[in-house]
């Protein structure tokens, strides 16, 4: 952000900081591109490298496009379903709700964020936790962000969500070029 007119003109000519260390590398190496894309996917789901590698190996064994299967599998994690249903604002908050045992699947408490939700499973907030401020706000207000995806049936007032079917790649709101992730792990 230029502070003076002279600085504004300078940034028009040279859009990088002054000095010998100002200009960075112009092109990214192919390895760096693939690594960045893999890290982007990891951070969107807040999972470890080991968890992502295991999910990739599982998707690689399946039939179909490996990248699509990988993202579809990650989207059925319990913390991701809680986030997409609108019960949490961030993936971090969703993981905390699950690990602190505020979420039930088919009437049983589940405290593992990586639990895979199957089609037909009913995700609810425990009765004890419904009085907590974050869940009261969710139940009483309309969603501010995007509506829940088509593969989730959500009743915000009752704090209930049902995974009606497995998600498909086009309807998953993840910013990632999954082909680069597949190429990273295929090396």
N, C-alpha and C. Protein backbone atom coordinates (compact mmCIF):
# COMPACT_ATOMS: atom_id res chain seq x y z
N UNK A 1 0.85 -1.18 0.00
CA UNK A 1 0.00 0.00 0.00
C UNK A 1 0.90 1.23 0.00
N UNK A 2 0.90 1.98 -1.07
CA UNK A 2 1.77 3.15 -1.15
C UNK A 2 1.27 4.27 -0.25
N UNK A 3 2.21 4.93 0.43
CA UNK A 3 1.85 6.01 1.35
C UNK A 3 1.92 7.38 0.69
N UNK A 4 2.71 7.52 -0.36
CA UNK A 4 2.84 8.82 -1.03
C UNK A 4 2.60 8.63 -2.52
N UNK A 5 2.47 9.77 -3.22
CA UNK A 5 2.28 9.70 -4.67
C UNK A 5 3.50 9.10 -5.36
N UNK A 6 4.69 9.46 -4.85
CA UNK A 6 5.91 8.93 -5.43
C UNK A 6 5.96 7.41 -5.27
N UNK A 7 5.56 6.93 -4.10
CA UNK A 7 5.56 5.49 -3.87
C UNK A 7 4.54 4.79 -4.78
N UNK A 8 3.41 5.45 -5.02
CA UNK A 8 2.40 4.87 -5.91
C UNK A 8 2.96 4.73 -7.32
N UNK A 9 3.67 5.77 -7.80
CA UNK A 9 4.27 5.69 -9.14
C UNK A 9 5.34 4.62 -9.18
N UNK A 10 6.09 4.49 -8.11
CA UNK A 10 7.15 3.49 -8.06
C UNK A 10 6.56 2.08 -8.18
N UNK A 11 5.45 1.83 -7.46
CA UNK A 11 4.83 0.50 -7.50
C UNK A 11 4.17 0.23 -8.84
N UNK A 12 3.78 1.28 -9.57
CA UNK A 12 3.25 1.06 -10.91
C UNK A 12 4.34 0.53 -11.83
N UNK A 13 5.55 1.09 -11.69
CA UNK A 13 6.65 0.65 -12.54
C UNK A 13 7.21 -0.70 -12.09
N UNK A 14 7.38 -0.85 -10.78
CA UNK A 14 7.97 -2.08 -10.26
C UNK A 14 7.08 -2.61 -9.12
N UNK A 15 6.23 -3.57 -9.41
CA UNK A 15 5.31 -4.07 -8.37
C UNK A 15 5.96 -5.07 -7.42
N UNK A 16 7.14 -4.74 -6.92
CA UNK A 16 7.82 -5.58 -5.94
C UNK A 16 8.62 -4.67 -5.03
N UNK A 17 8.98 -5.13 -3.85
CA UNK A 17 9.72 -4.28 -2.91
C UNK A 17 11.08 -3.89 -3.45
N UNK A 18 11.62 -2.75 -3.01
CA UNK A 18 12.92 -2.31 -3.50
C UNK A 18 14.06 -3.13 -2.89
N UNK A 19 15.21 -3.02 -3.49
CA UNK A 19 16.41 -3.66 -2.95
C UNK A 19 16.75 -4.96 -3.65
N UNK A 20 17.89 -5.52 -3.27
CA UNK A 20 18.35 -6.74 -3.95
C UNK A 20 17.50 -7.97 -3.64
N UNK A 21 16.74 -7.93 -2.55
CA UNK A 21 15.93 -9.10 -2.19
C UNK A 21 14.46 -8.91 -2.55
N UNK A 22 14.16 -7.88 -3.31
CA UNK A 22 12.77 -7.54 -3.58
C UNK A 22 12.07 -8.45 -4.55
N UNK A 23 12.71 -8.75 -5.66
CA UNK A 23 12.05 -9.54 -6.68
C UNK A 23 12.23 -11.02 -6.38
N UNK A 24 11.13 -11.74 -6.37
CA UNK A 24 11.20 -13.17 -6.08
C UNK A 24 11.39 -13.97 -7.35
N UNK A 25 11.31 -15.26 -7.20
CA UNK A 25 11.43 -16.16 -8.34
C UNK A 25 10.23 -15.97 -9.26
N UNK A 26 10.46 -15.97 -10.55
CA UNK A 26 9.38 -15.72 -11.49
C UNK A 26 8.50 -16.95 -11.70
N UNK A 27 9.11 -18.11 -11.77
CA UNK A 27 8.32 -19.31 -12.05
C UNK A 27 8.47 -20.30 -10.91
N UNK A 28 7.39 -21.03 -10.67
CA UNK A 28 7.44 -22.08 -9.67
C UNK A 28 7.86 -23.38 -10.35
N UNK A 29 8.61 -24.17 -9.64
CA UNK A 29 8.97 -25.48 -10.19
C UNK A 29 7.73 -26.37 -10.16
N UNK A 30 7.68 -27.38 -11.02
CA UNK A 30 6.53 -28.29 -11.01
C UNK A 30 6.32 -28.95 -9.65
N UNK A 31 7.41 -29.29 -8.97
CA UNK A 31 7.29 -29.90 -7.65
C UNK A 31 6.62 -28.94 -6.67
N UNK A 32 7.02 -27.67 -6.72
CA UNK A 32 6.45 -26.69 -5.80
C UNK A 32 4.96 -26.49 -6.06
N UNK A 33 4.55 -26.50 -7.33
CA UNK A 33 3.13 -26.37 -7.66
C UNK A 33 2.33 -27.51 -7.03
N UNK A 34 2.82 -28.72 -7.20
CA UNK A 34 2.10 -29.89 -6.68
C UNK A 34 2.09 -29.90 -5.15
N UNK A 35 3.22 -29.52 -4.55
CA UNK A 35 3.29 -29.46 -3.09
C UNK A 35 2.32 -28.42 -2.54
N UNK A 36 2.27 -27.27 -3.16
CA UNK A 36 1.35 -26.21 -2.70
C UNK A 36 -0.11 -26.66 -2.79
N UNK A 37 -0.44 -27.35 -3.87
CA UNK A 37 -1.82 -27.80 -4.04
C UNK A 37 -2.17 -28.86 -2.99
N UNK A 38 -1.23 -29.74 -2.71
CA UNK A 38 -1.44 -30.76 -1.69
C UNK A 38 -1.61 -30.11 -0.32
N UNK A 39 -0.78 -29.11 -0.03
CA UNK A 39 -0.87 -28.41 1.25
C UNK A 39 -2.20 -27.64 1.35
N UNK A 40 -2.63 -27.06 0.25
CA UNK A 40 -3.91 -26.34 0.25
C UNK A 40 -5.05 -27.29 0.62
N UNK A 41 -5.05 -28.48 0.04
CA UNK A 41 -6.09 -29.46 0.36
C UNK A 41 -5.99 -29.89 1.82
N UNK A 42 -4.78 -30.13 2.29
CA UNK A 42 -4.58 -30.53 3.69
C UNK A 42 -5.12 -29.48 4.65
N UNK A 43 -4.82 -28.23 4.39
CA UNK A 43 -5.21 -27.16 5.31
C UNK A 43 -6.71 -26.87 5.25
N UNK A 44 -7.35 -27.14 4.12
CA UNK A 44 -8.80 -26.92 4.05
C UNK A 44 -9.55 -27.91 4.92
N UNK A 45 -9.00 -29.12 5.07
CA UNK A 45 -9.63 -30.11 5.93
C UNK A 45 -8.95 -30.23 7.29
N UNK A 46 -7.86 -29.50 7.49
CA UNK A 46 -7.12 -29.50 8.76
C UNK A 46 -6.76 -30.93 9.18
N UNK A 47 -6.08 -31.63 8.27
CA UNK A 47 -5.68 -33.00 8.56
C UNK A 47 -4.17 -33.12 8.43
N UNK A 48 -3.62 -34.16 9.03
CA UNK A 48 -2.17 -34.36 8.99
C UNK A 48 -1.77 -35.00 7.66
N UNK A 49 -0.47 -35.00 7.42
CA UNK A 49 0.05 -35.61 6.20
C UNK A 49 -0.26 -37.10 6.17
N UNK A 50 -0.17 -37.74 7.31
CA UNK A 50 -0.44 -39.18 7.39
C UNK A 50 -1.90 -39.48 7.05
N UNK A 51 -2.82 -38.65 7.55
CA UNK A 51 -4.23 -38.85 7.27
C UNK A 51 -4.53 -38.65 5.78
N UNK A 52 -3.92 -37.63 5.18
CA UNK A 52 -4.15 -37.38 3.76
C UNK A 52 -3.55 -38.50 2.92
N UNK A 53 -2.37 -38.97 3.29
CA UNK A 53 -1.74 -40.06 2.54
C UNK A 53 -2.59 -41.32 2.60
N UNK A 54 -3.13 -41.61 3.78
CA UNK A 54 -3.98 -42.80 3.93
C UNK A 54 -5.25 -42.65 3.09
N UNK A 55 -5.84 -41.46 3.08
CA UNK A 55 -7.04 -41.23 2.27
C UNK A 55 -6.71 -41.36 0.78
N UNK A 56 -5.52 -40.87 0.39
CA UNK A 56 -5.12 -41.00 -1.01
C UNK A 56 -4.94 -42.46 -1.40
N UNK A 57 -4.28 -43.24 -0.55
CA UNK A 57 -4.08 -44.66 -0.85
C UNK A 57 -5.41 -45.38 -0.99
N UNK A 58 -6.36 -45.02 -0.14
CA UNK A 58 -7.69 -45.64 -0.23
C UNK A 58 -8.39 -45.24 -1.52
N UNK A 59 -8.27 -43.97 -1.91
CA UNK A 59 -8.89 -43.51 -3.16
C UNK A 59 -8.20 -44.13 -4.37
N UNK A 60 -6.90 -44.35 -4.26
CA UNK A 60 -6.14 -44.93 -5.37
C UNK A 60 -6.57 -46.38 -5.63
N UNK A 61 -7.00 -47.08 -4.59
CA UNK A 61 -7.47 -48.46 -4.76
C UNK A 61 -8.86 -48.52 -5.38
N UNK A 62 -9.63 -47.44 -5.30
CA UNK A 62 -10.98 -47.43 -5.82
C UNK A 62 -11.02 -47.35 -7.34
N UNK A 63 -12.21 -47.51 -7.89
CA UNK A 63 -12.38 -47.39 -9.33
C UNK A 63 -12.95 -46.01 -9.62
N UNK A 64 -12.37 -45.34 -10.57
CA UNK A 64 -12.79 -43.99 -10.92
C UNK A 64 -11.60 -43.05 -10.85
N UNK A 65 -11.88 -41.77 -10.97
CA UNK A 65 -10.81 -40.78 -10.92
C UNK A 65 -10.34 -40.62 -9.48
N UNK A 66 -9.06 -40.83 -9.29
CA UNK A 66 -8.49 -40.86 -7.94
C UNK A 66 -8.68 -39.53 -7.22
N UNK A 67 -8.48 -38.41 -7.92
CA UNK A 67 -8.64 -37.10 -7.29
C UNK A 67 -10.05 -36.86 -6.82
N UNK A 68 -11.03 -37.23 -7.64
CA UNK A 68 -12.42 -37.05 -7.24
C UNK A 68 -12.77 -37.96 -6.06
N UNK A 69 -12.30 -39.21 -6.12
CA UNK A 69 -12.58 -40.13 -5.01
C UNK A 69 -11.95 -39.64 -3.71
N UNK A 70 -10.76 -39.05 -3.81
CA UNK A 70 -10.08 -38.52 -2.63
C UNK A 70 -10.90 -37.41 -1.97
N UNK A 71 -11.34 -36.46 -2.76
CA UNK A 71 -12.08 -35.32 -2.19
C UNK A 71 -13.46 -35.77 -1.71
N UNK A 72 -14.10 -36.69 -2.44
CA UNK A 72 -15.39 -37.20 -1.99
C UNK A 72 -15.24 -37.95 -0.66
N UNK A 73 -14.14 -38.67 -0.49
CA UNK A 73 -13.90 -39.39 0.76
C UNK A 73 -13.64 -38.41 1.91
N UNK A 74 -12.84 -37.38 1.65
CA UNK A 74 -12.56 -36.39 2.69
C UNK A 74 -13.82 -35.63 3.10
N UNK A 75 -14.74 -35.48 2.16
CA UNK A 75 -15.97 -34.73 2.45
C UNK A 75 -16.92 -35.53 3.34
N UNK A 76 -16.74 -36.84 3.44
CA UNK A 76 -17.61 -37.63 4.31
C UNK A 76 -17.05 -37.76 5.72
N UNK A 77 -15.95 -37.08 6.03
CA UNK A 77 -15.46 -37.04 7.41
C UNK A 77 -16.48 -36.30 8.27
N UNK A 78 -16.60 -36.69 9.52
CA UNK A 78 -17.61 -36.10 10.40
C UNK A 78 -17.39 -34.61 10.60
N UNK A 79 -16.14 -34.17 10.76
CA UNK A 79 -15.91 -32.74 10.95
C UNK A 79 -16.29 -31.95 9.71
N UNK A 80 -16.08 -32.50 8.52
CA UNK A 80 -16.46 -31.80 7.29
C UNK A 80 -17.98 -31.73 7.15
N UNK A 81 -18.68 -32.80 7.54
CA UNK A 81 -20.14 -32.80 7.46
C UNK A 81 -20.73 -31.79 8.45
N UNK A 82 -20.16 -31.71 9.65
CA UNK A 82 -20.62 -30.73 10.65
C UNK A 82 -20.42 -29.31 10.11
N UNK A 83 -19.30 -29.07 9.46
CA UNK A 83 -19.04 -27.76 8.88
C UNK A 83 -20.02 -27.44 7.76
N UNK A 84 -20.20 -28.36 6.82
CA UNK A 84 -21.10 -28.13 5.68
C UNK A 84 -22.55 -27.98 6.11
N UNK A 85 -22.93 -28.65 7.21
CA UNK A 85 -24.30 -28.53 7.70
C UNK A 85 -24.56 -27.17 8.33
N UNK A 86 -23.50 -26.42 8.63
CA UNK A 86 -23.67 -25.10 9.21
C UNK A 86 -23.66 -25.09 10.72
N UNK A 87 -23.33 -26.21 11.36
CA UNK A 87 -23.28 -26.26 12.82
C UNK A 87 -22.02 -25.59 13.35
N UNK A 88 -21.01 -25.42 12.51
CA UNK A 88 -19.75 -24.77 12.91
C UNK A 88 -19.37 -23.75 11.84
N UNK A 89 -18.64 -22.72 12.26
CA UNK A 89 -18.23 -21.68 11.31
C UNK A 89 -16.95 -22.05 10.57
N UNK A 90 -16.06 -22.78 11.22
CA UNK A 90 -14.79 -23.15 10.62
C UNK A 90 -14.54 -24.64 10.82
N UNK A 91 -13.59 -25.17 10.08
CA UNK A 91 -13.24 -26.58 10.24
C UNK A 91 -12.62 -26.82 11.61
N UNK A 92 -11.93 -25.82 12.14
CA UNK A 92 -11.33 -25.96 13.48
C UNK A 92 -12.43 -26.08 14.54
N UNK A 93 -13.45 -25.25 14.42
CA UNK A 93 -14.55 -25.31 15.37
C UNK A 93 -15.30 -26.64 15.23
N UNK A 94 -15.47 -27.11 14.00
CA UNK A 94 -16.15 -28.39 13.79
C UNK A 94 -15.38 -29.53 14.43
N UNK A 95 -14.05 -29.53 14.28
CA UNK A 95 -13.23 -30.57 14.90
C UNK A 95 -13.35 -30.52 16.42
N UNK A 96 -13.39 -29.31 16.97
CA UNK A 96 -13.49 -29.18 18.42
C UNK A 96 -14.85 -29.68 18.92
N UNK A 97 -15.92 -29.35 18.20
CA UNK A 97 -17.24 -29.84 18.60
C UNK A 97 -17.27 -31.37 18.61
N UNK A 98 -16.68 -31.98 17.60
CA UNK A 98 -16.68 -33.44 17.53
C UNK A 98 -15.82 -34.04 18.64
N UNK A 99 -14.61 -33.52 18.81
CA UNK A 99 -13.70 -34.11 19.80
C UNK A 99 -14.16 -33.85 21.23
N UNK A 100 -14.94 -32.81 21.45
CA UNK A 100 -15.48 -32.53 22.79
C UNK A 100 -16.82 -33.21 23.02
N UNK A 101 -17.20 -34.10 22.13
CA UNK A 101 -18.37 -34.97 22.25
C UNK A 101 -19.69 -34.21 22.26
N UNK A 102 -19.80 -33.19 21.41
CA UNK A 102 -21.07 -32.47 21.27
C UNK A 102 -21.91 -33.03 20.13
N UNK A 103 -21.38 -33.96 19.36
CA UNK A 103 -22.04 -34.46 18.15
C UNK A 103 -22.35 -35.94 18.31
N UNK A 104 -23.55 -36.33 17.83
CA UNK A 104 -23.95 -37.73 17.82
C UNK A 104 -24.19 -38.18 16.38
N UNK A 105 -23.88 -39.43 16.11
CA UNK A 105 -24.20 -40.04 14.82
C UNK A 105 -25.09 -41.24 15.11
N UNK A 106 -26.31 -41.20 14.59
CA UNK A 106 -27.31 -42.26 14.82
C UNK A 106 -27.53 -42.51 16.31
N UNK A 107 -27.53 -41.45 17.10
CA UNK A 107 -27.81 -41.55 18.53
C UNK A 107 -26.63 -41.89 19.41
N UNK A 108 -25.48 -42.16 18.83
CA UNK A 108 -24.28 -42.50 19.62
C UNK A 108 -23.27 -41.37 19.50
N UNK A 109 -22.67 -41.01 20.64
CA UNK A 109 -21.66 -39.96 20.62
C UNK A 109 -20.42 -40.44 19.88
N UNK A 110 -19.89 -39.56 19.05
CA UNK A 110 -18.67 -39.87 18.31
C UNK A 110 -17.69 -38.75 18.60
N UNK A 111 -16.45 -39.11 19.00
CA UNK A 111 -15.47 -38.09 19.33
C UNK A 111 -14.25 -38.12 18.41
N UNK A 112 -14.39 -38.72 17.24
CA UNK A 112 -13.30 -38.75 16.26
C UNK A 112 -13.67 -37.90 15.05
N UNK A 113 -12.95 -36.83 14.79
CA UNK A 113 -13.26 -35.98 13.64
C UNK A 113 -13.14 -36.72 12.31
N UNK A 114 -12.31 -37.76 12.25
CA UNK A 114 -12.12 -38.50 11.01
C UNK A 114 -13.13 -39.61 10.79
N UNK A 115 -14.13 -39.72 11.64
CA UNK A 115 -15.17 -40.74 11.48
C UNK A 115 -15.85 -40.55 10.13
N UNK A 116 -15.98 -41.63 9.36
CA UNK A 116 -16.60 -41.55 8.04
C UNK A 116 -18.11 -41.71 8.17
N UNK A 117 -18.84 -40.72 7.70
CA UNK A 117 -20.29 -40.74 7.74
C UNK A 117 -20.79 -41.47 6.50
N UNK A 118 -21.72 -42.39 6.69
CA UNK A 118 -22.29 -43.16 5.58
C UNK A 118 -23.62 -42.54 5.16
N UNK A 119 -24.04 -42.73 3.91
CA UNK A 119 -25.36 -42.22 3.49
C UNK A 119 -26.46 -42.80 4.38
N UNK A 120 -27.35 -41.94 4.82
CA UNK A 120 -28.43 -42.33 5.71
C UNK A 120 -28.14 -42.07 7.17
N UNK A 121 -26.90 -41.76 7.53
CA UNK A 121 -26.56 -41.48 8.92
C UNK A 121 -27.16 -40.14 9.35
N UNK A 122 -27.64 -40.09 10.59
CA UNK A 122 -28.26 -38.89 11.15
C UNK A 122 -27.26 -38.26 12.12
N UNK A 123 -26.90 -37.01 11.85
CA UNK A 123 -25.95 -36.28 12.69
C UNK A 123 -26.75 -35.27 13.50
N UNK A 124 -26.63 -35.34 14.83
CA UNK A 124 -27.35 -34.43 15.71
C UNK A 124 -26.40 -33.85 16.75
N UNK A 125 -26.85 -32.77 17.36
CA UNK A 125 -26.14 -32.19 18.50
C UNK A 125 -26.74 -32.80 19.75
N UNK A 126 -25.90 -33.16 20.72
CA UNK A 126 -26.40 -33.80 21.94
C UNK A 126 -27.34 -32.85 22.67
N UNK A 127 -28.28 -33.42 23.41
CA UNK A 127 -29.28 -32.59 24.10
C UNK A 127 -28.62 -31.69 25.14
N UNK A 128 -27.57 -32.16 25.78
CA UNK A 128 -26.88 -31.34 26.77
C UNK A 128 -26.20 -30.14 26.12
N UNK A 129 -25.74 -30.30 24.89
CA UNK A 129 -24.98 -29.24 24.23
C UNK A 129 -25.86 -28.22 23.52
N UNK A 130 -27.14 -28.52 23.35
CA UNK A 130 -28.03 -27.62 22.61
C UNK A 130 -28.18 -26.26 23.28
N UNK A 131 -27.93 -26.18 24.58
CA UNK A 131 -28.07 -24.91 25.29
C UNK A 131 -26.82 -24.04 25.19
N UNK A 132 -25.76 -24.57 24.62
CA UNK A 132 -24.52 -23.79 24.48
C UNK A 132 -24.73 -22.69 23.44
N UNK A 133 -24.04 -21.58 23.64
CA UNK A 133 -24.22 -20.41 22.79
C UNK A 133 -24.01 -20.68 21.29
N UNK A 134 -22.96 -21.37 20.87
CA UNK A 134 -22.79 -21.56 19.42
C UNK A 134 -23.95 -22.31 18.78
N UNK A 135 -24.48 -23.31 19.47
CA UNK A 135 -25.57 -24.09 18.90
C UNK A 135 -26.90 -23.35 18.98
N UNK A 136 -27.10 -22.55 20.03
CA UNK A 136 -28.32 -21.73 20.10
C UNK A 136 -28.35 -20.73 18.95
N UNK A 137 -27.21 -20.12 18.66
CA UNK A 137 -27.13 -19.16 17.56
C UNK A 137 -27.46 -19.84 16.24
N UNK A 138 -26.93 -21.03 16.03
CA UNK A 138 -27.19 -21.76 14.79
C UNK A 138 -28.68 -22.07 14.67
N UNK A 139 -29.30 -22.51 15.76
CA UNK A 139 -30.70 -22.90 15.73
C UNK A 139 -31.64 -21.72 15.54
N UNK A 140 -31.26 -20.54 16.05
CA UNK A 140 -32.17 -19.40 16.04
C UNK A 140 -32.01 -18.49 14.83
N UNK A 141 -30.88 -18.54 14.15
CA UNK A 141 -30.65 -17.62 13.04
C UNK A 141 -30.64 -18.35 11.72
N UNK A 142 -30.83 -17.58 10.67
CA UNK A 142 -30.74 -18.12 9.32
C UNK A 142 -29.28 -18.19 8.91
N UNK A 143 -28.93 -19.12 8.03
CA UNK A 143 -27.52 -19.22 7.62
C UNK A 143 -27.06 -17.98 6.89
N UNK A 144 -25.89 -17.47 7.28
CA UNK A 144 -25.36 -16.27 6.65
C UNK A 144 -24.56 -16.61 5.41
N UNK A 145 -23.93 -17.76 5.39
CA UNK A 145 -23.08 -18.15 4.27
C UNK A 145 -23.86 -18.88 3.20
N UNK A 146 -23.17 -19.78 2.54
CA UNK A 146 -23.77 -20.56 1.48
C UNK A 146 -24.77 -21.57 2.07
N UNK A 147 -25.80 -21.91 1.32
CA UNK A 147 -26.74 -22.92 1.81
C UNK A 147 -26.05 -24.29 1.86
N UNK A 148 -26.60 -25.22 2.63
CA UNK A 148 -25.98 -26.54 2.70
C UNK A 148 -26.00 -27.23 1.33
N UNK A 149 -25.02 -28.07 1.05
CA UNK A 149 -24.98 -28.75 -0.24
C UNK A 149 -26.17 -29.69 -0.42
N UNK A 150 -26.39 -30.12 -1.66
CA UNK A 150 -27.55 -30.95 -1.99
C UNK A 150 -27.49 -32.33 -1.36
N UNK A 151 -26.31 -32.82 -1.03
CA UNK A 151 -26.20 -34.16 -0.46
C UNK A 151 -26.48 -34.19 1.04
N UNK A 152 -26.78 -33.02 1.64
CA UNK A 152 -27.11 -32.95 3.07
C UNK A 152 -28.52 -32.42 3.24
N UNK A 153 -29.32 -33.10 4.06
CA UNK A 153 -30.63 -32.60 4.46
C UNK A 153 -30.47 -32.04 5.87
N UNK A 154 -30.63 -30.71 6.01
CA UNK A 154 -30.33 -30.06 7.28
C UNK A 154 -31.58 -29.40 7.84
N UNK A 155 -31.84 -29.62 9.12
CA UNK A 155 -32.88 -28.91 9.87
C UNK A 155 -32.15 -28.12 10.95
N UNK A 156 -31.91 -26.83 10.67
CA UNK A 156 -31.12 -26.01 11.60
C UNK A 156 -31.84 -25.80 12.92
N UNK A 157 -33.15 -25.69 12.90
CA UNK A 157 -33.89 -25.49 14.14
C UNK A 157 -33.76 -26.66 15.10
N UNK A 158 -33.80 -27.87 14.55
CA UNK A 158 -33.68 -29.07 15.37
C UNK A 158 -32.23 -29.52 15.53
N UNK A 159 -31.30 -28.84 14.83
CA UNK A 159 -29.87 -29.20 14.84
C UNK A 159 -29.67 -30.65 14.42
N UNK A 160 -30.27 -31.00 13.28
CA UNK A 160 -30.18 -32.35 12.73
C UNK A 160 -29.76 -32.26 11.27
N UNK A 161 -28.85 -33.14 10.88
CA UNK A 161 -28.44 -33.23 9.48
C UNK A 161 -28.38 -34.70 9.08
N UNK A 162 -28.76 -34.98 7.84
CA UNK A 162 -28.73 -36.34 7.32
C UNK A 162 -27.94 -36.33 6.03
N UNK A 163 -26.96 -37.22 5.93
CA UNK A 163 -26.21 -37.38 4.69
C UNK A 163 -27.07 -38.26 3.79
N UNK A 164 -27.71 -37.65 2.79
CA UNK A 164 -28.66 -38.38 1.96
C UNK A 164 -27.97 -39.28 0.94
N UNK A 165 -26.79 -38.88 0.47
CA UNK A 165 -26.04 -39.68 -0.52
C UNK A 165 -24.59 -39.25 -0.47
N UNK A 166 -23.74 -40.02 -1.14
CA UNK A 166 -22.32 -39.63 -1.21
C UNK A 166 -22.19 -38.38 -2.07
N UNK A 167 -21.35 -37.44 -1.67
CA UNK A 167 -21.18 -36.22 -2.47
C UNK A 167 -20.42 -36.51 -3.76
N UNK A 168 -20.71 -35.72 -4.78
CA UNK A 168 -19.94 -35.81 -6.03
C UNK A 168 -19.04 -34.58 -6.11
N UNK A 169 -17.97 -34.68 -6.86
CA UNK A 169 -16.94 -33.63 -6.87
C UNK A 169 -17.47 -32.25 -7.25
N UNK A 170 -18.34 -32.11 -8.27
CA UNK A 170 -18.75 -30.75 -8.64
C UNK A 170 -19.50 -29.98 -7.55
N UNK A 171 -20.14 -30.68 -6.62
CA UNK A 171 -20.90 -29.98 -5.59
C UNK A 171 -20.13 -29.79 -4.28
N UNK A 172 -18.87 -30.17 -4.25
CA UNK A 172 -18.05 -30.00 -3.05
C UNK A 172 -17.32 -28.67 -3.15
N UNK A 173 -17.53 -27.76 -2.18
CA UNK A 173 -16.93 -26.42 -2.26
C UNK A 173 -15.48 -26.37 -1.77
N UNK A 174 -14.61 -27.14 -2.39
CA UNK A 174 -13.20 -27.16 -2.02
C UNK A 174 -12.40 -26.57 -3.17
N UNK A 175 -11.55 -25.60 -2.85
CA UNK A 175 -10.71 -24.96 -3.86
C UNK A 175 -9.42 -25.76 -3.97
N UNK A 176 -9.33 -26.58 -5.01
CA UNK A 176 -8.16 -27.44 -5.15
C UNK A 176 -8.14 -28.05 -6.54
N UNK A 177 -6.95 -28.15 -7.12
CA UNK A 177 -6.77 -28.89 -8.36
C UNK A 177 -6.32 -30.28 -7.96
N UNK A 178 -7.29 -31.19 -7.85
CA UNK A 178 -6.99 -32.51 -7.32
C UNK A 178 -6.02 -33.30 -8.20
N UNK A 179 -5.94 -32.96 -9.48
CA UNK A 179 -5.00 -33.67 -10.35
C UNK A 179 -3.56 -33.44 -9.91
N UNK A 180 -3.25 -32.22 -9.46
CA UNK A 180 -1.90 -31.94 -8.98
C UNK A 180 -1.59 -32.70 -7.69
N UNK A 181 -2.60 -32.92 -6.87
CA UNK A 181 -2.40 -33.70 -5.64
C UNK A 181 -2.10 -35.15 -6.01
N UNK A 182 -2.83 -35.68 -6.98
CA UNK A 182 -2.58 -37.05 -7.43
C UNK A 182 -1.18 -37.16 -8.01
N UNK A 183 -0.77 -36.17 -8.79
CA UNK A 183 0.57 -36.19 -9.37
C UNK A 183 1.64 -36.09 -8.28
N UNK A 184 1.36 -35.34 -7.23
CA UNK A 184 2.32 -35.24 -6.13
C UNK A 184 2.55 -36.60 -5.49
N UNK A 185 1.48 -37.32 -5.20
CA UNK A 185 1.62 -38.61 -4.55
C UNK A 185 2.06 -39.71 -5.50
N UNK A 186 1.93 -39.51 -6.79
CA UNK A 186 2.32 -40.54 -7.76
C UNK A 186 3.82 -40.51 -8.05
N UNK A 187 4.53 -39.55 -7.49
CA UNK A 187 5.96 -39.44 -7.81
C UNK A 187 6.78 -40.55 -7.21
